[in-house]
N, C-alpha and C. Protein backbone atom coordinates (compact mmCIF):
# COMPACT_ATOMS: atom_id res chain seq x y z
N MET A 1 63.22 74.91 171.94
CA MET A 1 63.38 75.72 172.77
C MET A 1 63.43 76.81 171.45
N ASN A 2 63.91 76.08 169.98
CA ASN A 2 63.56 77.32 169.00
C ASN A 2 62.74 77.76 169.30
N LYS A 3 61.71 77.11 169.19
CA LYS A 3 60.44 78.40 169.75
C LYS A 3 60.64 79.72 170.19
N LEU A 4 61.30 79.56 171.37
CA LEU A 4 60.92 80.38 172.22
C LEU A 4 62.47 81.86 171.82
N ILE A 5 63.45 80.50 171.05
CA ILE A 5 64.68 81.50 170.06
C ILE A 5 63.94 82.51 168.96
N LEU A 6 63.00 82.03 168.34
CA LEU A 6 62.24 83.47 167.54
C LEU A 6 61.29 84.36 168.85
N ILE A 7 60.79 83.40 169.62
CA ILE A 7 59.51 84.42 169.96
C ILE A 7 60.26 85.89 171.39
N LEU A 8 61.34 85.12 171.65
CA LEU A 8 61.77 86.48 172.46
C LEU A 8 61.91 87.34 172.04
N PRO A 9 62.51 86.88 170.68
CA PRO A 9 62.76 88.83 169.72
C PRO A 9 61.31 89.41 169.41
N LEU A 10 60.52 88.87 169.91
CA LEU A 10 59.04 89.59 168.81
C LEU A 10 58.84 90.46 170.61
N MET A 11 58.62 89.09 171.00
CA MET A 11 58.13 90.02 172.51
C MET A 11 58.27 91.33 172.80
N LEU A 12 60.13 91.05 172.55
CA LEU A 12 60.88 92.51 173.82
C LEU A 12 60.52 93.62 172.31
N ILE A 13 60.09 93.97 170.79
CA ILE A 13 59.88 94.77 170.12
C ILE A 13 57.89 95.18 170.12
N LEU A 14 56.95 93.62 170.62
CA LEU A 14 55.65 94.60 171.26
C LEU A 14 56.17 95.30 172.65
N PHE A 15 56.97 94.80 173.42
CA PHE A 15 57.33 95.41 174.98
C PHE A 15 57.28 96.66 174.89
N VAL A 16 58.25 96.58 174.13
CA VAL A 16 59.52 98.66 173.25
C VAL A 16 58.36 99.06 173.29
N GLY A 17 57.67 98.81 171.68
CA GLY A 17 57.01 99.13 171.35
C GLY A 17 56.56 101.10 171.31
N CYS A 18 55.04 101.80 171.70
CA CYS A 18 55.03 102.85 172.15
C CYS A 18 56.08 102.99 173.70
N ASN A 19 56.48 104.17 173.69
CA ASN A 19 56.81 104.56 174.33
C ASN A 19 56.73 105.28 175.43
N ASP A 20 56.85 106.15 176.83
CA ASP A 20 56.33 107.14 177.03
C ASP A 20 57.33 107.71 178.16
N THR A 21 59.00 107.44 177.82
CA THR A 21 59.82 108.02 178.65
C THR A 21 60.40 108.97 177.81
N ALA A 22 61.72 109.70 178.25
CA ALA A 22 62.33 110.74 177.16
C ALA A 22 63.73 110.28 177.06
N ASP A 23 64.59 110.49 176.38
CA ASP A 23 65.62 110.82 175.86
C ASP A 23 66.32 111.35 175.13
N GLU A 24 67.75 111.90 175.65
CA GLU A 24 67.78 113.22 175.32
C GLU A 24 68.57 112.99 174.62
N ASN A 25 68.77 112.00 173.81
CA ASN A 25 69.82 112.04 173.38
C ASN A 25 69.97 111.75 171.90
N VAL A 26 71.11 111.62 170.85
CA VAL A 26 71.24 111.61 169.70
C VAL A 26 71.62 110.31 169.05
N VAL A 27 71.64 109.72 167.78
CA VAL A 27 72.13 108.60 166.84
C VAL A 27 73.67 108.92 166.51
N ALA A 28 74.53 108.21 167.27
CA ALA A 28 75.44 109.06 166.11
C ALA A 28 75.87 107.47 164.60
N GLU A 29 77.10 108.82 164.43
CA GLU A 29 76.92 107.73 162.73
C GLU A 29 77.97 106.35 162.39
N ASN A 30 78.15 105.73 164.10
CA ASN A 30 78.41 104.06 164.25
C ASN A 30 77.44 103.79 164.48
N GLY A 31 76.31 104.23 164.64
CA GLY A 31 75.33 103.20 165.47
C GLY A 31 74.73 103.71 166.95
N THR A 32 75.75 104.42 167.99
CA THR A 32 75.84 103.84 169.34
C THR A 32 74.67 105.87 169.53
N VAL A 33 74.94 105.82 171.20
CA VAL A 33 74.39 106.69 171.44
C VAL A 33 74.62 107.89 171.56
N ALA A 34 75.08 109.34 171.34
CA ALA A 34 75.82 110.15 171.42
C ALA A 34 75.19 111.08 172.34
N GLN A 35 75.96 111.99 172.58
CA GLN A 35 75.32 113.30 173.00
C GLN A 35 74.92 114.87 172.54
N VAL A 36 74.10 115.02 172.44
CA VAL A 36 73.57 116.56 170.95
C VAL A 36 75.06 117.14 170.62
N SER A 37 75.83 117.11 171.96
CA SER A 37 76.80 117.51 171.27
C SER A 37 77.98 116.71 170.15
N ASP A 38 77.74 115.62 169.94
CA ASP A 38 78.67 114.82 169.24
C ASP A 38 76.92 114.36 168.02
N ALA A 39 76.73 115.74 167.88
CA ALA A 39 75.42 115.28 167.11
C ALA A 39 75.46 114.75 165.36
N LYS A 40 74.93 114.59 164.28
CA LYS A 40 75.10 114.33 163.60
C LYS A 40 74.71 114.89 162.10
N MET A 41 74.04 114.55 160.93
CA MET A 41 73.52 115.45 159.98
C MET A 41 72.42 113.97 159.70
N ALA A 42 71.30 114.48 159.67
CA ALA A 42 70.07 114.00 159.32
C ALA A 42 70.15 113.25 158.23
N ALA A 43 70.17 112.08 158.25
CA ALA A 43 69.98 111.51 156.55
C ALA A 43 69.35 111.93 155.97
N ASP A 44 69.38 112.17 154.91
CA ASP A 44 67.95 112.97 153.88
C ASP A 44 67.33 112.37 153.09
N PHE A 45 65.89 112.04 152.53
CA PHE A 45 65.40 110.79 152.11
C PHE A 45 64.09 111.75 150.84
N ASP A 46 63.81 111.11 149.97
CA ASP A 46 62.48 111.00 148.77
C ASP A 46 61.23 109.86 149.75
N LEU A 47 60.53 110.81 149.91
CA LEU A 47 59.38 109.66 150.55
C LEU A 47 58.54 110.35 149.94
N ILE A 48 57.23 109.49 149.22
CA ILE A 48 55.98 110.37 149.15
C ILE A 48 54.69 110.55 150.62
N ASP A 49 54.45 111.82 149.30
CA ASP A 49 53.12 112.11 151.07
C ASP A 49 51.98 111.63 150.34
N ILE A 50 51.26 112.28 151.72
CA ILE A 50 49.41 111.21 151.50
C ILE A 50 48.82 112.40 149.76
N ASN A 51 49.00 113.71 149.74
CA ASN A 51 49.22 113.87 148.18
C ASN A 51 50.24 113.45 146.86
N GLY A 52 50.89 112.73 147.26
CA GLY A 52 51.38 111.61 146.02
C GLY A 52 52.76 112.76 145.59
N GLU A 53 53.19 113.45 146.70
CA GLU A 53 54.43 114.46 145.89
C GLU A 53 55.47 113.65 146.37
N HIS A 54 56.03 113.79 146.50
CA HIS A 54 57.66 113.25 147.03
C HIS A 54 57.89 115.02 148.11
N VAL A 55 58.84 114.05 149.41
CA VAL A 55 59.32 114.79 149.98
C VAL A 55 60.35 114.37 149.78
N LYS A 56 61.44 115.57 150.17
CA LYS A 56 62.96 115.73 150.77
C LYS A 56 62.96 116.47 151.94
N LEU A 57 64.35 115.92 152.39
CA LEU A 57 64.31 116.62 153.46
C LEU A 57 65.53 117.88 153.58
N SER A 58 65.76 117.51 152.09
CA SER A 58 67.64 118.42 151.73
C SER A 58 65.94 119.73 150.78
N ASP A 59 65.15 119.35 151.13
CA ASP A 59 63.56 120.53 150.03
C ASP A 59 64.07 121.69 151.53
N TYR A 60 64.69 121.57 153.18
CA TYR A 60 63.87 122.26 154.09
C TYR A 60 65.09 122.57 154.81
N LYS A 61 66.35 122.55 153.68
CA LYS A 61 67.65 123.46 154.27
C LYS A 61 66.79 124.74 154.50
N GLY A 62 67.54 125.76 155.46
CA GLY A 62 67.27 126.25 155.77
C GLY A 62 66.21 126.76 157.20
N LYS A 63 65.50 125.58 157.36
CA LYS A 63 64.37 125.40 157.99
C LYS A 63 64.70 124.66 159.15
N VAL A 64 64.10 124.87 160.36
CA VAL A 64 64.22 123.98 161.46
C VAL A 64 63.39 122.83 161.15
N VAL A 65 63.29 121.85 161.04
CA VAL A 65 62.29 120.33 160.90
C VAL A 65 62.09 119.80 161.89
N ILE A 66 60.86 118.97 162.40
CA ILE A 66 60.34 118.46 163.20
C ILE A 66 59.62 117.59 162.89
N LEU A 67 60.78 116.21 162.52
CA LEU A 67 60.73 114.98 162.21
C LEU A 67 60.29 113.28 162.76
N ASP A 68 59.40 113.70 162.68
CA ASP A 68 58.22 112.50 164.12
C ASP A 68 57.61 111.14 163.52
N PHE A 69 58.08 109.77 163.97
CA PHE A 69 58.28 108.65 163.68
C PHE A 69 56.93 108.19 164.56
N TRP A 70 55.58 107.74 163.26
CA TRP A 70 54.46 107.30 164.62
C TRP A 70 53.53 106.46 163.89
N ALA A 71 52.53 105.71 164.88
CA ALA A 71 52.04 105.16 163.95
C ALA A 71 50.38 105.71 164.35
N THR A 72 49.30 105.98 164.14
CA THR A 72 47.95 105.39 163.87
C THR A 72 47.10 104.73 165.15
N TRP A 73 48.06 103.59 165.36
CA TRP A 73 47.24 102.99 166.71
C TRP A 73 48.30 103.29 168.03
N CYS A 74 49.07 103.58 167.98
CA CYS A 74 50.49 104.17 169.59
C CYS A 74 49.62 104.85 169.99
N PRO A 75 48.87 104.99 171.49
CA PRO A 75 48.54 106.35 172.64
C PRO A 75 49.36 107.13 172.40
N PRO A 76 50.08 106.57 172.37
CA PRO A 76 51.16 108.07 172.77
C PRO A 76 51.13 108.83 171.51
N CYS A 77 51.46 108.69 170.55
CA CYS A 77 51.29 108.60 169.34
C CYS A 77 50.48 110.26 169.58
N LYS A 78 49.14 108.96 169.30
CA LYS A 78 48.00 110.00 169.26
C LYS A 78 47.47 111.50 170.03
N LYS A 79 48.14 111.37 171.33
CA LYS A 79 48.19 112.29 172.14
C LYS A 79 49.41 113.48 171.79
N ALA A 80 50.72 113.49 171.00
CA ALA A 80 51.76 114.09 170.68
C ALA A 80 50.58 114.92 169.28
N LEU A 81 50.19 114.21 168.54
CA LEU A 81 50.10 114.45 166.69
C LEU A 81 49.53 115.93 167.40
N PRO A 82 48.45 116.11 168.04
CA PRO A 82 47.64 117.80 168.04
C PRO A 82 48.73 118.75 168.09
N HIS A 83 49.62 118.33 169.18
CA HIS A 83 50.67 119.63 169.40
C HIS A 83 51.74 120.16 167.62
N LEU A 84 51.68 118.79 167.12
CA LEU A 84 52.63 118.11 166.26
C LEU A 84 51.71 119.66 164.64
N GLN A 85 50.01 119.25 165.02
CA GLN A 85 49.55 120.08 164.18
C GLN A 85 49.50 121.35 164.20
N GLU A 86 49.25 122.00 165.65
CA GLU A 86 49.77 122.81 165.95
C GLU A 86 50.69 124.25 165.42
N ILE A 87 51.55 122.67 165.60
CA ILE A 87 52.88 123.92 165.11
C ILE A 87 52.80 123.70 164.18
N SER A 88 52.96 123.66 163.41
CA SER A 88 52.47 123.19 161.74
C SER A 88 51.74 123.82 161.56
N SER A 89 50.26 125.18 162.17
CA SER A 89 49.83 125.59 161.73
C SER A 89 50.09 127.25 162.30
N GLU A 90 51.34 127.26 163.48
CA GLU A 90 50.85 128.04 164.06
C GLU A 90 52.70 128.73 162.92
N TYR A 91 53.16 128.01 162.80
CA TYR A 91 55.04 128.58 161.62
C TYR A 91 54.43 127.93 160.35
N PRO A 92 53.43 128.17 159.31
CA PRO A 92 53.64 128.10 158.30
C PRO A 92 54.88 128.47 157.64
N GLY A 93 55.38 129.49 157.91
CA GLY A 93 55.90 129.83 156.57
C GLY A 93 57.64 130.27 157.54
N ASN A 94 57.57 130.42 159.30
CA ASN A 94 58.18 131.27 159.80
C ASN A 94 59.19 130.41 160.57
N GLY A 95 59.48 129.15 159.60
CA GLY A 95 60.89 128.16 160.32
C GLY A 95 60.75 127.16 160.61
N ILE A 96 59.76 126.07 161.06
CA ILE A 96 59.77 125.29 161.24
C ILE A 96 59.00 124.38 159.93
N LYS A 97 59.42 123.16 160.39
CA LYS A 97 58.55 122.54 159.32
C LYS A 97 58.44 121.26 160.01
N VAL A 98 57.37 120.53 159.44
CA VAL A 98 56.83 119.89 160.59
C VAL A 98 56.48 118.12 159.31
N ILE A 99 57.20 116.95 159.45
CA ILE A 99 57.13 116.03 158.68
C ILE A 99 57.09 114.83 159.85
N GLY A 100 55.54 114.20 159.09
CA GLY A 100 54.98 112.99 160.44
C GLY A 100 56.12 111.64 159.27
N VAL A 101 56.58 110.83 160.13
CA VAL A 101 57.15 109.15 159.23
C VAL A 101 55.73 108.11 159.97
N SER A 102 54.84 107.82 159.01
CA SER A 102 54.05 106.45 159.92
C SER A 102 54.70 105.28 159.50
N VAL A 103 54.52 105.12 160.40
CA VAL A 103 54.82 103.59 160.17
C VAL A 103 54.52 102.13 160.57
N ASP A 104 53.14 102.86 160.63
CA ASP A 104 52.09 101.84 160.24
C ASP A 104 51.81 100.72 159.43
N ARG A 105 52.27 99.66 158.84
CA ARG A 105 51.96 98.71 158.58
C ARG A 105 51.45 98.56 157.24
N ASP A 106 49.96 98.91 157.26
CA ASP A 106 48.68 99.21 156.74
C ASP A 106 48.52 100.58 155.57
N GLY A 107 49.90 100.97 155.72
CA GLY A 107 49.70 102.55 154.87
C GLY A 107 48.67 103.35 155.45
N TRP A 108 49.21 103.97 154.08
CA TRP A 108 48.12 104.60 153.45
C TRP A 108 46.43 104.47 153.80
N ASP A 109 45.92 102.66 153.56
CA ASP A 109 44.82 102.80 154.01
C ASP A 109 44.48 102.75 155.19
N VAL A 110 45.07 103.08 156.52
CA VAL A 110 44.91 103.31 157.88
C VAL A 110 45.76 105.21 157.84
N VAL A 111 46.26 105.56 157.27
CA VAL A 111 46.68 106.92 156.94
C VAL A 111 45.94 107.58 157.25
N ARG A 112 44.89 107.55 155.55
CA ARG A 112 44.69 108.75 154.98
C ARG A 112 43.19 108.86 155.56
N PRO A 113 42.16 107.62 156.20
CA PRO A 113 41.48 108.16 157.19
C PRO A 113 41.77 108.46 158.82
N PHE A 114 42.86 108.29 159.01
CA PHE A 114 42.92 108.95 161.06
C PHE A 114 43.63 110.47 160.31
N MET A 115 44.41 110.79 159.15
CA MET A 115 45.25 112.00 159.05
C MET A 115 43.19 113.02 158.68
N ALA A 116 42.45 112.11 158.04
CA ALA A 116 40.97 113.51 158.11
C ALA A 116 39.83 113.10 158.94
N GLU A 117 40.21 112.50 159.88
CA GLU A 117 39.25 111.97 160.86
C GLU A 117 39.70 112.99 161.94
N LYS A 118 40.72 113.47 162.42
CA LYS A 118 41.74 114.28 162.82
C LYS A 118 42.27 116.30 162.09
N ASN A 119 41.26 116.21 161.52
CA ASN A 119 41.92 116.98 160.43
C ASN A 119 42.86 117.62 160.33
N PHE A 120 43.77 116.73 160.46
CA PHE A 120 45.61 116.63 160.45
C PHE A 120 45.66 116.64 159.20
N ASP A 121 46.87 118.40 159.19
CA ASP A 121 47.21 119.08 157.33
C ASP A 121 48.75 119.04 157.47
N PHE A 122 49.33 118.37 158.58
CA PHE A 122 50.51 118.83 158.47
C PHE A 122 51.57 117.41 157.25
N THR A 123 52.36 117.34 156.83
CA THR A 123 52.79 116.89 155.64
C THR A 123 53.20 115.60 157.00
N VAL A 124 52.74 114.35 156.13
CA VAL A 124 52.50 113.22 156.31
C VAL A 124 53.57 111.95 154.64
N VAL A 125 54.86 111.73 156.22
CA VAL A 125 54.68 110.11 154.50
C VAL A 125 54.54 108.73 154.85
N LEU A 126 55.05 107.63 154.99
CA LEU A 126 54.94 106.68 154.54
C LEU A 126 56.71 106.22 154.76
N GLY A 127 56.86 105.86 156.55
CA GLY A 127 58.38 105.25 156.35
C GLY A 127 58.42 103.58 157.08
N GLY A 128 59.67 103.70 155.63
CA GLY A 128 60.10 101.68 155.66
C GLY A 128 60.96 101.51 156.59
N GLU A 129 62.14 100.56 155.98
CA GLU A 129 62.94 100.06 156.74
C GLU A 129 64.00 101.41 156.66
N GLU A 130 63.53 101.54 155.60
CA GLU A 130 65.22 102.21 154.91
C GLU A 130 65.23 103.93 155.61
N ILE A 131 64.16 104.17 156.42
CA ILE A 131 64.54 105.55 157.20
C ILE A 131 64.24 105.13 158.46
N VAL A 132 64.08 104.10 158.32
CA VAL A 132 63.90 103.36 160.09
C VAL A 132 65.46 103.39 160.39
N LYS A 133 66.36 102.49 159.70
CA LYS A 133 67.68 102.39 159.37
C LYS A 133 68.91 103.77 159.23
N ALA A 134 68.32 104.31 159.02
CA ALA A 134 68.72 106.06 158.56
C ALA A 134 68.84 107.24 160.21
N TYR A 135 67.65 106.19 159.99
CA TYR A 135 67.99 107.51 161.41
C TYR A 135 68.40 106.25 162.93
N GLY A 136 69.34 105.34 162.87
CA GLY A 136 69.60 104.61 163.71
C GLY A 136 68.54 103.61 164.19
N GLY A 137 67.79 103.09 163.70
CA GLY A 137 66.17 101.86 163.98
C GLY A 137 65.38 102.99 164.98
N ILE A 138 64.50 102.80 165.04
CA ILE A 138 63.39 103.58 165.66
C ILE A 138 62.89 102.96 166.70
N ASN A 139 63.17 102.01 168.02
CA ASN A 139 62.67 101.36 168.83
C ASN A 139 61.29 101.31 169.78
N SER A 140 61.05 102.70 169.62
CA SER A 140 60.25 103.28 170.10
C SER A 140 59.84 104.19 169.88
N ILE A 141 58.21 104.12 169.67
CA ILE A 141 57.29 105.45 169.27
C ILE A 141 56.16 106.19 170.01
N PRO A 142 56.10 107.54 169.58
CA PRO A 142 56.37 108.34 168.63
C PRO A 142 58.33 108.69 169.58
N THR A 143 58.84 108.97 168.22
CA THR A 143 60.14 109.64 167.89
C THR A 143 60.22 110.67 167.40
N THR A 144 61.38 111.76 167.86
CA THR A 144 60.99 113.23 166.98
C THR A 144 62.23 113.31 166.43
N PHE A 145 62.73 113.61 165.35
CA PHE A 145 64.05 114.41 165.82
C PHE A 145 63.86 115.90 165.63
N ILE A 146 64.47 116.93 166.05
CA ILE A 146 64.75 117.72 165.60
C ILE A 146 65.67 118.51 165.09
N ILE A 147 65.78 118.99 163.48
CA ILE A 147 66.77 119.06 162.91
C ILE A 147 67.05 120.69 162.61
N GLY A 148 68.45 120.82 162.77
CA GLY A 148 68.39 122.23 162.32
C GLY A 148 68.19 122.83 160.95
N PRO A 149 67.93 123.93 160.75
CA PRO A 149 68.52 124.47 160.04
C PRO A 149 70.02 124.22 158.78
N ASP A 150 70.90 123.79 159.94
CA ASP A 150 71.87 123.72 158.74
C ASP A 150 71.55 121.63 158.66
N GLY A 151 70.54 120.81 158.82
CA GLY A 151 71.14 119.72 158.23
C GLY A 151 71.79 118.98 159.53
N VAL A 152 72.11 119.46 161.04
CA VAL A 152 72.47 118.25 161.79
C VAL A 152 70.76 118.46 162.72
N ILE A 153 71.14 117.15 163.63
CA ILE A 153 70.39 116.71 164.62
C ILE A 153 70.08 117.04 165.68
N GLY A 154 69.42 118.32 166.43
CA GLY A 154 69.83 118.46 167.06
C GLY A 154 69.24 118.09 168.63
N GLU A 155 68.45 117.36 168.98
CA GLU A 155 67.49 116.81 169.79
C GLU A 155 66.90 115.63 169.04
N LYS A 156 67.03 114.86 170.39
CA LYS A 156 66.16 113.32 170.34
C LYS A 156 65.36 113.31 170.60
N PHE A 157 63.85 112.86 170.84
CA PHE A 157 62.97 112.89 172.69
C PHE A 157 62.39 111.20 171.26
N VAL A 158 62.00 110.78 173.12
CA VAL A 158 61.82 109.41 172.65
C VAL A 158 60.16 109.07 172.93
N GLY A 159 58.81 109.19 172.78
CA GLY A 159 57.43 109.46 174.06
C GLY A 159 57.31 110.42 173.50
N TYR A 160 55.90 110.78 174.74
CA TYR A 160 54.89 111.84 174.37
C TYR A 160 56.32 112.68 174.77
N LYS A 161 56.26 113.46 174.32
CA LYS A 161 56.17 114.79 174.24
C LYS A 161 55.39 115.99 173.94
N ASP A 162 55.36 117.56 175.03
CA ASP A 162 54.07 118.60 174.92
C ASP A 162 54.48 119.15 173.94
N LYS A 163 53.70 120.28 173.61
CA LYS A 163 54.50 120.82 172.64
C LYS A 163 55.57 121.59 172.69
N SER A 164 55.74 122.54 173.97
CA SER A 164 56.96 123.77 174.94
C SER A 164 58.09 122.61 174.45
N GLU A 165 58.31 121.56 174.27
CA GLU A 165 59.51 120.62 174.87
C GLU A 165 59.52 121.32 172.66
N TYR A 166 59.33 121.18 171.89
CA TYR A 166 59.21 120.84 170.66
C TYR A 166 59.73 121.58 170.54
N LEU A 167 58.46 122.83 170.55
CA LEU A 167 59.27 124.45 170.48
C LEU A 167 60.54 124.92 170.95
N ASP A 168 60.16 124.70 172.48
CA ASP A 168 62.06 125.13 172.88
C ASP A 168 63.32 124.52 172.37
N ALA A 169 62.91 122.88 171.90
CA ALA A 169 64.38 122.80 170.97
C ALA A 169 64.27 123.24 169.86
N ALA A 170 63.37 123.41 168.95
CA ALA A 170 63.33 124.22 168.17
C ALA A 170 63.99 125.15 167.48
N ASN A 171 63.26 126.37 168.51
CA ASN A 171 64.30 127.60 169.03
C ASN A 171 65.27 128.38 169.67
N LYS A 172 65.75 126.73 169.47
CA LYS A 172 68.16 126.43 170.27
C LYS A 172 68.13 126.80 168.75
N LEU A 173 67.38 125.82 168.26
CA LEU A 173 68.06 125.62 166.85
C LEU A 173 67.93 126.64 166.21
N MET A 174 67.10 128.09 165.48
CA MET A 174 67.24 128.90 165.14
C MET A 174 68.00 130.13 165.26
N HIS A 175 68.51 130.43 164.24
CA HIS A 175 69.28 131.82 163.47
C HIS A 175 68.29 133.22 164.01
């Protein structure tokens, strides 16, 4: 019985894992799910990118930030990441910043070669428990937050999304 109690939560995490479903809600300050109209400020962070540079969300105030939690082993993530690369390339100084937060447990050992193989050059940082908690707990990946120029979360997507969905959400937040 005790083994079952320990195994059940692990099985739940494995089954929830990657997710292709949609979710148009954002995480409220008390950890519950709220509609976009009740959106909260995105949590600031200071993480190290693939080049060893500090990346802070607050450095991009005034821009729309597409903040995507992903992993190299996740099929829906692999399908969505090329869209994020295209957005990053098409809007380099035009008000949209793409930041990928890899939640790979093997860290840079798997992320660096993956990024090089795919020719992705958008900003990527490694995410740990702290940033996952700051964004309300990430239960499925990809999970993508569209953050307005004012730092308020305008949209949260869970699962694969098409490039146009990211851009539509970003354009709604641009002033």
